[in-house]
Amino acid sequence: MRLDKYLKVSRIIKRRTVAKEACDGGRVSIGGRIAKPGTEVKEGDILEIRFGSRLGRYQVTEVREVTRKNEAAEMYRVLSEDEGMAAERGE
């Protein structure tokens, strides 16, 4: 699955356009390498997302094309997250 779509479906980032902009701006990396919006995401990947001074690290646990809002958090595991990142995701 494309990275920008995964970020939207998992609700780490709520809108796909914002996810694409974050990727295009070099703020998202997979396994320590800056990733483009079309980069393929697979189970076990480690994602790092930077928004300003906030940083979130997530491990992909599942890849699904669609999911319900209340099940989206099952698609990843939070490894570390600044307080602002949790608020960004609505927690």
PDB file of N, CA and C in Angstrom:
ATOM      1  N   MET A   1       0.840  -1.171   0.000  1.00  0.00           N
ATOM      2  CA  MET A   1       0.000   0.000   0.000  1.00  0.00           C
ATOM      3  C   MET A   1       0.892   1.244   0.000  1.00  0.00           C
ATOM      4  N   ARG A   2       0.469   2.268  -0.699  1.00  0.00           N
ATOM      5  CA  ARG A   2       1.198   3.535  -0.731  1.00  0.00           C
ATOM      6  C   ARG A   2       1.259   4.153   0.665  1.00  0.00           C
ATOM      7  N   LEU A   3       2.367   4.798   0.957  1.00  0.00           N
ATOM      8  CA  LEU A   3       2.572   5.415   2.267  1.00  0.00           C
ATOM      9  C   LEU A   3       1.505   6.455   2.579  1.00  0.00           C
ATOM     10  N   ASP A   4       1.210   7.354   1.643  1.00  0.00           N
ATOM     11  CA  ASP A   4       0.221   8.395   1.934  1.00  0.00           C
ATOM     12  C   ASP A   4      -1.151   7.800   2.226  1.00  0.00           C
ATOM     13  N   LYS A   5      -1.517   6.744   1.518  1.00  0.00           N
ATOM     14  CA  LYS A   5      -2.804   6.094   1.773  1.00  0.00           C
ATOM     15  C   LYS A   5      -2.788   5.380   3.125  1.00  0.00           C
ATOM     16  N   TYR A   6      -1.689   4.710   3.454  1.00  0.00           N
ATOM     17  CA  TYR A   6      -1.593   4.032   4.752  1.00  0.00           C
ATOM     18  C   TYR A   6      -1.764   5.025   5.903  1.00  0.00           C
ATOM     19  N   LEU A   7      -1.086   6.167   5.807  1.00  0.00           N
ATOM     20  CA  LEU A   7      -1.176   7.170   6.870  1.00  0.00           C
ATOM     21  C   LEU A   7      -2.610   7.640   7.048  1.00  0.00           C
ATOM     22  N   LYS A   8      -3.354   7.755   5.966  1.00  0.00           N
ATOM     23  CA  LYS A   8      -4.747   8.182   6.034  1.00  0.00           C
ATOM     24  C   LYS A   8      -5.648   7.065   6.569  1.00  0.00           C
ATOM     25  N   VAL A   9      -5.524   5.859   6.023  1.00  0.00           N
ATOM     26  CA  VAL A   9      -6.382   4.748   6.437  1.00  0.00           C
ATOM     27  C   VAL A   9      -6.159   4.410   7.912  1.00  0.00           C
ATOM     28  N   SER A  10      -4.904   4.441   8.364  1.00  0.00           N
ATOM     29  CA  SER A  10      -4.601   4.140   9.766  1.00  0.00           C
ATOM     30  C   SER A  10      -4.941   5.305  10.686  1.00  0.00           C
ATOM     31  N   ARG A  11      -5.220   6.455  10.082  1.00  0.00           N
ATOM     32  CA  ARG A  11      -5.567   7.678  10.799  1.00  0.00           C
ATOM     33  C   ARG A  11      -4.424   8.237  11.643  1.00  0.00           C
ATOM     34  N   ILE A  12      -3.195   7.883  11.283  1.00  0.00           N
ATOM     35  CA  ILE A  12      -2.047   8.555  11.897  1.00  0.00           C
ATOM     36  C   ILE A  12      -2.089  10.016  11.456  1.00  0.00           C
ATOM     37  N   ILE A  13      -2.401  10.230  10.172  1.00  0.00           N
ATOM     38  CA  ILE A  13      -2.673  11.566   9.634  1.00  0.00           C
ATOM     39  C   ILE A  13      -4.077  11.493   9.045  1.00  0.00           C
ATOM     40  N   LYS A  14      -4.913  12.449   9.393  1.00  0.00           N
ATOM     41  CA  LYS A  14      -6.335  12.325   9.071  1.00  0.00           C
ATOM     42  C   LYS A  14      -6.703  12.522   7.604  1.00  0.00           C
ATOM     43  N   ARG A  15      -5.938  13.319   6.865  1.00  0.00           N
ATOM     44  CA  ARG A  15      -6.279  13.564   5.465  1.00  0.00           C
ATOM     45  C   ARG A  15      -5.129  13.144   4.565  1.00  0.00           C
ATOM     46  N   ARG A  16      -5.476  12.532   3.440  1.00  0.00           N
ATOM     47  CA  ARG A  16      -4.449  12.021   2.530  1.00  0.00           C
ATOM     48  C   ARG A  16      -3.630  13.161   1.927  1.00  0.00           C
ATOM     49  N   THR A  17      -4.255  14.298   1.670  1.00  0.00           N
ATOM     50  CA  THR A  17      -3.502  15.419   1.106  1.00  0.00           C
ATOM     51  C   THR A  17      -2.440  15.902   2.089  1.00  0.00           C
ATOM     52  N   VAL A  18      -2.770  15.917   3.380  1.00  0.00           N
ATOM     53  CA  VAL A  18      -1.790  16.317   4.402  1.00  0.00           C
ATOM     54  C   VAL A  18      -0.681  15.278   4.479  1.00  0.00           C
ATOM     55  N   ALA A  19      -1.043  13.991   4.384  1.00  0.00           N
ATOM     56  CA  ALA A  19      -0.049  12.917   4.399  1.00  0.00           C
ATOM     57  C   ALA A  19       0.891  13.048   3.197  1.00  0.00           C
ATOM     58  N   LYS A  20       0.337  13.347   2.033  1.00  0.00           N
ATOM     59  CA  LYS A  20       1.155  13.510   0.826  1.00  0.00           C
ATOM     60  C   LYS A  20       2.098  14.708   0.974  1.00  0.00           C
ATOM     61  N   GLU A  21       1.589  15.811   1.500  1.00  0.00           N
ATOM     62  CA  GLU A  21       2.419  16.996   1.702  1.00  0.00           C
ATOM     63  C   GLU A  21       3.550  16.718   2.687  1.00  0.00           C
ATOM     64  N   ALA A  22       3.256  15.959   3.758  1.00  0.00           N
ATOM     65  CA  ALA A  22       4.289  15.615   4.738  1.00  0.00           C
ATOM     66  C   ALA A  22       5.380  14.776   4.077  1.00  0.00           C
ATOM     67  N   CYS A  23       4.979  13.823   3.245  1.00  0.00           N
ATOM     68  CA  CYS A  23       5.956  12.982   2.535  1.00  0.00           C
ATOM     69  C   CYS A  23       6.770  13.804   1.550  1.00  0.00           C
ATOM     70  N   ASP A  24       6.090  14.643   0.783  1.00  0.00           N
ATOM     71  CA  ASP A  24       6.781  15.487  -0.202  1.00  0.00           C
ATOM     72  C   ASP A  24       7.759  16.435   0.471  1.00  0.00           C
ATOM     73  N   GLY A  25       7.457  16.851   1.704  1.00  0.00           N
ATOM     74  CA  GLY A  25       8.316  17.772   2.435  1.00  0.00           C
ATOM     75  C   GLY A  25       9.459  17.093   3.166  1.00  0.00           C
ATOM     76  N   GLY A  26       9.593  15.775   3.012  1.00  0.00           N
ATOM     77  CA  GLY A  26      10.694  15.055   3.643  1.00  0.00           C
ATOM     78  C   GLY A  26      10.515  14.853   5.135  1.00  0.00           C
ATOM     79  N   ARG A  27       9.278  14.924   5.622  1.00  0.00           N
ATOM     80  CA  ARG A  27       9.023  14.790   7.057  1.00  0.00           C
ATOM     81  C   ARG A  27       8.645  13.373   7.475  1.00  0.00           C
ATOM     82  N   VAL A  28       8.582  12.446   6.525  1.00  0.00           N
ATOM     83  CA  VAL A  28       8.224  11.059   6.838  1.00  0.00           C
ATOM     84  C   VAL A  28       9.351  10.153   6.354  1.00  0.00           C
ATOM     85  N   SER A  29       9.769   9.240   7.230  1.00  0.00           N
ATOM     86  CA  SER A  29      10.794   8.280   6.823  1.00  0.00           C
ATOM     87  C   SER A  29      10.369   6.869   7.215  1.00  0.00           C
ATOM     88  N   ILE A  30      10.866   5.916   6.455  1.00  0.00           N
ATOM     89  CA  ILE A  30      10.626   4.495   6.728  1.00  0.00           C
ATOM     90  C   ILE A  30      11.989   3.858   6.901  1.00  0.00           C
ATOM     91  N   GLY A  31      12.217   3.267   8.062  1.00  0.00           N
ATOM     92  CA  GLY A  31      13.495   2.615   8.329  1.00  0.00           C
ATOM     93  C   GLY A  31      14.673   3.565   8.256  1.00  0.00           C
ATOM     94  N   GLY A  32      14.472   4.826   8.615  1.00  0.00           N
ATOM     95  CA  GLY A  32      15.552   5.792   8.616  1.00  0.00           C
ATOM     96  C   GLY A  32      15.807   6.477   7.286  1.00  0.00           C
ATOM     97  N   ARG A  33      15.035   6.133   6.251  1.00  0.00           N
ATOM     98  CA  ARG A  33      15.209   6.740   4.929  1.00  0.00           C
ATOM     99  C   ARG A  33      13.977   7.571   4.596  1.00  0.00           C
ATOM    100  N   ILE A  34      14.202   8.776   4.114  1.00  0.00           N
ATOM    101  CA  ILE A  34      13.088   9.650   3.735  1.00  0.00           C
ATOM    102  C   ILE A  34      12.265   8.957   2.659  1.00  0.00           C
ATOM    103  N   ALA A  35      10.934   8.985   2.845  1.00  0.00           N
ATOM    104  CA  ALA A  35      10.039   8.251   1.965  1.00  0.00           C
ATOM    105  C   ALA A  35       9.147   9.198   1.168  1.00  0.00           C
ATOM    106  N   LYS A  36       8.855   8.811  -0.055  1.00  0.00           N
ATOM    107  CA  LYS A  36       7.944   9.555  -0.920  1.00  0.00           C
ATOM    108  C   LYS A  36       6.524   9.034  -0.707  1.00  0.00           C
ATOM    109  N   PRO A  37       5.515   9.788  -1.145  1.00  0.00           N
ATOM    110  CA  PRO A  37       4.127   9.350  -0.942  1.00  0.00           C
ATOM    111  C   PRO A  37       3.817   7.978  -1.522  1.00  0.00           C
ATOM    112  N   GLY A  38       4.468   7.595  -2.621  1.00  0.00           N
ATOM    113  CA  GLY A  38       4.195   6.321  -3.279  1.00  0.00           C
ATOM    114  C   GLY A  38       5.009   5.152  -2.767  1.00  0.00           C
ATOM    115  N   THR A  39       5.839   5.377  -1.752  1.00  0.00           N
ATOM    116  CA  THR A  39       6.648   4.295  -1.190  1.00  0.00           C
ATOM    117  C   THR A  39       5.737   3.220  -0.612  1.00  0.00           C
ATOM    118  N   GLU A  40       6.048   1.967  -0.909  1.00  0.00           N
ATOM    119  CA  GLU A  40       5.234   0.862  -0.407  1.00  0.00           C
ATOM    120  C   GLU A  40       5.480   0.630   1.083  1.00  0.00           C
ATOM    121  N   VAL A  41       4.390   0.443   1.822  1.00  0.00           N
ATOM    122  CA  VAL A  41       4.453   0.165   3.259  1.00  0.00           C
ATOM    123  C   VAL A  41       4.127  -1.308   3.460  1.00  0.00           C
ATOM    124  N   LYS A  42       4.896  -1.970   4.346  1.00  0.00           N
ATOM    125  CA  LYS A  42       4.606  -3.370   4.658  1.00  0.00           C
ATOM    126  C   LYS A  42       4.705  -3.577   6.163  1.00  0.00           C
ATOM    127  N   GLU A  43       4.149  -4.670   6.628  1.00  0.00           N
ATOM    128  CA  GLU A  43       4.179  -4.976   8.059  1.00  0.00           C
ATOM    129  C   GLU A  43       5.619  -5.016   8.556  1.00  0.00           C
ATOM    130  N   GLY A  44       5.837  -4.450   9.744  1.00  0.00           N
ATOM    131  CA  GLY A  44       7.155  -4.430  10.346  1.00  0.00           C
ATOM    132  C   GLY A  44       7.931  -3.150  10.084  1.00  0.00           C
ATOM    133  N   ASP A  45       7.510  -2.351   9.111  1.00  0.00           N
ATOM    134  CA  ASP A  45       8.194  -1.085   8.832  1.00  0.00           C
ATOM    135  C   ASP A  45       8.094  -0.145  10.032  1.00  0.00           C
ATOM    136  N   ILE A  46       9.145   0.651  10.237  1.00  0.00           N
ATOM    137  CA  ILE A  46       9.166   1.676  11.283  1.00  0.00           C
ATOM    138  C   ILE A  46       9.025   3.028  10.594  1.00  0.00           C
ATOM    139  N   LEU A  47       7.966   3.755  10.939  1.00  0.00           N
ATOM    140  CA  LEU A  47       7.703   5.066  10.370  1.00  0.00           C
ATOM    141  C   LEU A  47       8.097   6.144  11.366  1.00  0.00           C
ATOM    142  N   GLU A  48       8.732   7.200  10.890  1.00  0.00           N
ATOM    143  CA  GLU A  48       9.009   8.385  11.696  1.00  0.00           C
ATOM    144  C   GLU A  48       8.363   9.570  11.001  1.00  0.00           C
ATOM    145  N   ILE A  49       7.587  10.341  11.768  1.00  0.00           N
ATOM    146  CA  ILE A  49       6.887  11.491  11.215  1.00  0.00           C
ATOM    147  C   ILE A  49       7.242  12.714  12.036  1.00  0.00           C
ATOM    148  N   ARG A  50       7.665  13.785  11.346  1.00  0.00           N
ATOM    149  CA  ARG A  50       8.024  15.036  12.023  1.00  0.00           C
ATOM    150  C   ARG A  50       7.075  16.139  11.604  1.00  0.00           C
ATOM    151  N   PHE A  51       6.466  16.797  12.590  1.00  0.00           N
ATOM    152  CA  PHE A  51       5.666  17.998  12.367  1.00  0.00           C
ATOM    153  C   PHE A  51       6.228  19.070  13.271  1.00  0.00           C
ATOM    154  N   GLY A  52       6.989  19.990  12.706  1.00  0.00           N
ATOM    155  CA  GLY A  52       7.649  21.016  13.514  1.00  0.00           C
ATOM    156  C   GLY A  52       8.631  20.356  14.457  1.00  0.00           C
ATOM    157  N   SER A  53       8.489  20.619  15.741  1.00  0.00           N
ATOM    158  CA  SER A  53       9.389  20.019  16.731  1.00  0.00           C
ATOM    159  C   SER A  53       8.850  18.694  17.265  1.00  0.00           C
ATOM    160  N   ARG A  54       7.674  18.293  16.805  1.00  0.00           N
ATOM    161  CA  ARG A  54       7.070  17.036  17.280  1.00  0.00           C
ATOM    162  C   ARG A  54       7.564  15.861  16.439  1.00  0.00           C
ATOM    163  N   LEU A  55       7.757  14.729  17.096  1.00  0.00           N
ATOM    164  CA  LEU A  55       8.221  13.526  16.407  1.00  0.00           C
ATOM    165  C   LEU A  55       7.426  12.327  16.887  1.00  0.00           C
ATOM    166  N   GLY A  56       6.988  11.499  15.951  1.00  0.00           N
ATOM    167  CA  GLY A  56       6.295  10.259  16.287  1.00  0.00           C
ATOM    168  C   GLY A  56       6.958   9.097  15.574  1.00  0.00           C
ATOM    169  N   ARG A  57       7.118   7.976  16.280  1.00  0.00           N
ATOM    170  CA  ARG A  57       7.667   6.750  15.689  1.00  0.00           C
ATOM    171  C   ARG A  57       6.630   5.648  15.837  1.00  0.00           C
ATOM    172  N   TYR A  58       6.346   4.946  14.746  1.00  0.00           N
ATOM    173  CA  TYR A  58       5.301   3.931  14.722  1.00  0.00           C
ATOM    174  C   TYR A  58       5.800   2.695  13.990  1.00  0.00           C
ATOM    175  N   GLN A  59       5.354   1.521  14.453  1.00  0.00           N
ATOM    176  CA  GLN A  59       5.655   0.279  13.752  1.00  0.00           C
ATOM    177  C   GLN A  59       4.377  -0.199  13.082  1.00  0.00           C
ATOM    178  N   VAL A  60       4.464  -0.508  11.806  1.00  0.00           N
ATOM    179  CA  VAL A  60       3.312  -0.999  11.048  1.00  0.00           C
ATOM    180  C   VAL A  60       3.046  -2.438  11.483  1.00  0.00           C
ATOM    181  N   THR A  61       1.850  -2.695  12.008  1.00  0.00           N
ATOM    182  CA  THR A  61       1.500  -4.049  12.439  1.00  0.00           C
ATOM    183  C   THR A  61       0.554  -4.737  11.457  1.00  0.00           C
ATOM    184  N   GLU A  62      -0.138  -3.933  10.653  1.00  0.00           N
ATOM    185  CA  GLU A  62      -1.100  -4.501   9.721  1.00  0.00           C
ATOM    186  C   GLU A  62      -1.334  -3.505   8.591  1.00  0.00           C
ATOM    187  N   VAL A  63      -1.560  -4.011   7.395  1.00  0.00           N
ATOM    188  CA  VAL A  63      -1.875  -3.164   6.249  1.00  0.00           C
ATOM    189  C   VAL A  63      -3.248  -3.580   5.743  1.00  0.00           C
ATOM    190  N   ARG A  64      -4.194  -2.640   5.759  1.00  0.00           N
ATOM    191  CA  ARG A  64      -5.553  -2.884   5.264  1.00  0.00           C
ATOM    192  C   ARG A  64      -5.940  -1.767   4.318  1.00  0.00           C
ATOM    193  N   GLU A  65      -6.709  -2.101   3.301  1.00  0.00           N
ATOM    194  CA  GLU A  65      -7.179  -1.095   2.346  1.00  0.00           C
ATOM    195  C   GLU A  65      -8.218  -0.175   2.974  1.00  0.00           C
ATOM    196  N   VAL A  66      -9.084  -0.728   3.799  1.00  0.00           N
ATOM    197  CA  VAL A  66     -10.108   0.057   4.495  1.00  0.00           C
ATOM    198  C   VAL A  66     -10.215  -0.465   5.925  1.00  0.00           C
ATOM    199  N   THR A  67     -10.641   0.409   6.832  1.00  0.00           N
ATOM    200  CA  THR A  67     -10.856  -0.005   8.206  1.00  0.00           C
ATOM    201  C   THR A  67     -11.807   0.972   8.869  1.00  0.00           C
ATOM    202  N   ARG A  68     -12.459   0.523   9.894  1.00  0.00           N
ATOM    203  CA  ARG A  68     -13.335   1.403  10.659  1.00  0.00           C
ATOM    204  C   ARG A  68     -12.493   2.292  11.557  1.00  0.00           C
ATOM    205  N   LYS A  69     -13.040   3.439  11.879  1.00  0.00           N
ATOM    206  CA  LYS A  69     -12.317   4.417  12.689  1.00  0.00           C
ATOM    207  C   LYS A  69     -11.849   3.815  14.017  1.00  0.00           C
ATOM    208  N   ASN A  70     -12.722   3.050  14.676  1.00  0.00           N
ATOM    209  CA  ASN A  70     -12.363   2.491  15.984  1.00  0.00           C
ATOM    210  C   ASN A  70     -11.367   1.334  15.890  1.00  0.00           C
ATOM    211  N   GLU A  71     -11.100   0.821  14.690  1.00  0.00           N
ATOM    212  CA  GLU A  71     -10.138  -0.268  14.502  1.00  0.00           C
ATOM    213  C   GLU A  71      -8.825   0.209  13.876  1.00  0.00           C
ATOM    214  N   ALA A  72      -8.750   1.482  13.511  1.00  0.00           N
ATOM    215  CA  ALA A  72      -7.576   2.010  12.808  1.00  0.00           C
ATOM    216  C   ALA A  72      -6.309   1.891  13.646  1.00  0.00           C
ATOM    217  N   ALA A  73      -6.401   2.097  14.953  1.00  0.00           N
ATOM    218  CA  ALA A  73      -5.220   2.056  15.820  1.00  0.00           C
ATOM    219  C   ALA A  73      -4.596   0.662  15.885  1.00  0.00           C
ATOM    220  N   GLU A  74      -5.304  -0.361  15.439  1.00  0.00           N
ATOM    221  CA  GLU A  74      -4.760  -1.726  15.419  1.00  0.00           C
ATOM    222  C   GLU A  74      -3.750  -1.905  14.285  1.00  0.00           C
ATOM    223  N   MET A  75      -3.687  -0.947  13.361  1.00  0.00           N
ATOM    224  CA  MET A  75      -2.815  -1.062  12.198  1.00  0.00           C
ATOM    225  C   MET A  75      -1.370  -0.676  12.507  1.00  0.00           C
ATOM    226  N   TYR A  76      -1.123  -0.090  13.680  1.00  0.00           N
ATOM    227  CA  TYR A  76       0.227   0.332  14.041  1.00  0.00           C
ATOM    228  C   TYR A  76       0.415   0.273  15.551  1.00  0.00           C
ATOM    229  N   ARG A  77       1.683   0.294  15.950  1.00  0.00           N
ATOM    230  CA  ARG A  77       2.047   0.337  17.368  1.00  0.00           C
ATOM    231  C   ARG A  77       2.882   1.592  17.568  1.00  0.00           C
ATOM    232  N   VAL A  78       2.521   2.376  18.587  1.00  0.00           N
ATOM    233  CA  VAL A  78       3.269   3.595  18.879  1.00  0.00           C
ATOM    234  C   VAL A  78       4.557   3.213  19.603  1.00  0.00           C
ATOM    235  N   LEU A  79       5.691   3.568  19.019  1.00  0.00           N
ATOM    236  CA  LEU A  79       6.983   3.308  19.648  1.00  0.00           C
ATOM    237  C   LEU A  79       7.383   4.490  20.524  1.00  0.00           C
ATOM    238  N   SER A  80       7.183   5.701  20.023  1.00  0.00           N
ATOM    239  CA  SER A  80       7.398   6.917  20.808  1.00  0.00           C
ATOM    240  C   SER A  80       6.619   8.031  20.137  1.00  0.00           C
ATOM    241  N   GLU A  81       6.217   8.995  20.954  1.00  0.00           N
ATOM    242  CA  GLU A  81       5.373  10.038  20.415  1.00  0.00           C
ATOM    243  C   GLU A  81       5.418  11.246  21.343  1.00  0.00           C
ATOM    244  N   ASP A  82       5.637  12.418  20.777  1.00  0.00           N
ATOM    245  CA  ASP A  82       5.529  13.642  21.557  1.00  0.00           C
ATOM    246  C   ASP A  82       4.052  13.882  21.868  1.00  0.00           C
ATOM    247  N   GLU A  83       3.792  14.628  22.924  1.00  0.00           N
ATOM    248  CA  GLU A  83       2.414  14.873  23.329  1.00  0.00           C
ATOM    249  C   GLU A  83       1.570  15.462  22.214  1.00  0.00           C
ATOM    250  N   GLY A  84       2.146  16.367  21.450  1.00  0.00           N
ATOM    251  CA  GLY A  84       1.403  17.009  20.370  1.00  0.00           C
ATOM    252  C   GLY A  84       0.960  16.046  19.285  1.00  0.00           C
ATOM    253  N   MET A  85       1.726  14.986  19.054  1.00  0.00           N
ATOM    254  CA  MET A  85       1.374  14.008  18.015  1.00  0.00           C
ATOM    255  C   MET A  85       0.111  13.251  18.409  1.00  0.00           C
ATOM    256  N   ALA A  86      -0.015  12.872  19.673  1.00  0.00           N
ATOM    257  CA  ALA A  86      -1.218  12.162  20.129  1.00  0.00           C
ATOM    258  C   ALA A  86      -2.435  13.066  19.959  1.00  0.00           C
ATOM    259  N   ALA A  87      -2.284  14.341  20.277  1.00  0.00           N
ATOM    260  CA  ALA A  87      -3.383  15.284  20.117  1.00  0.00           C
ATOM    261  C   ALA A  87      -3.744  15.429  18.646  1.00  0.00           C
ATOM    262  N   GLU A  88      -2.748  15.420  17.775  1.00  0.00           N
ATOM    263  CA  GLU A  88      -2.967  15.525  16.331  1.00  0.00           C
ATOM    264  C   GLU A  88      -3.837  14.369  15.831  1.00  0.00           C
ATOM    265  N   ARG A  89      -3.619  13.175  16.386  1.00  0.00           N
ATOM    266  CA  ARG A  89      -4.393  11.995  15.982  1.00  0.00           C
ATOM    267  C   ARG A  89      -5.738  11.933  16.687  1.00  0.00           C
ATOM    268  N   GLY A  90      -5.994  12.853  17.630  1.00  0.00           N
ATOM    269  CA  GLY A  90      -7.295  12.889  18.286  1.00  0.00           C
ATOM    270  C   GLY A  90      -7.379  12.076  19.552  1.00  0.00           C
ATOM    271  N   GLU A  91      -6.258  11.761  20.173  1.00  0.00           N
ATOM    272  CA  GLU A  91      -6.283  10.985  21.425  1.00  0.00           C
ATOM    273  C   GLU A  91      -6.136  11.886  22.620  1.00  0.00           C
TER     274      GLU A  91
END
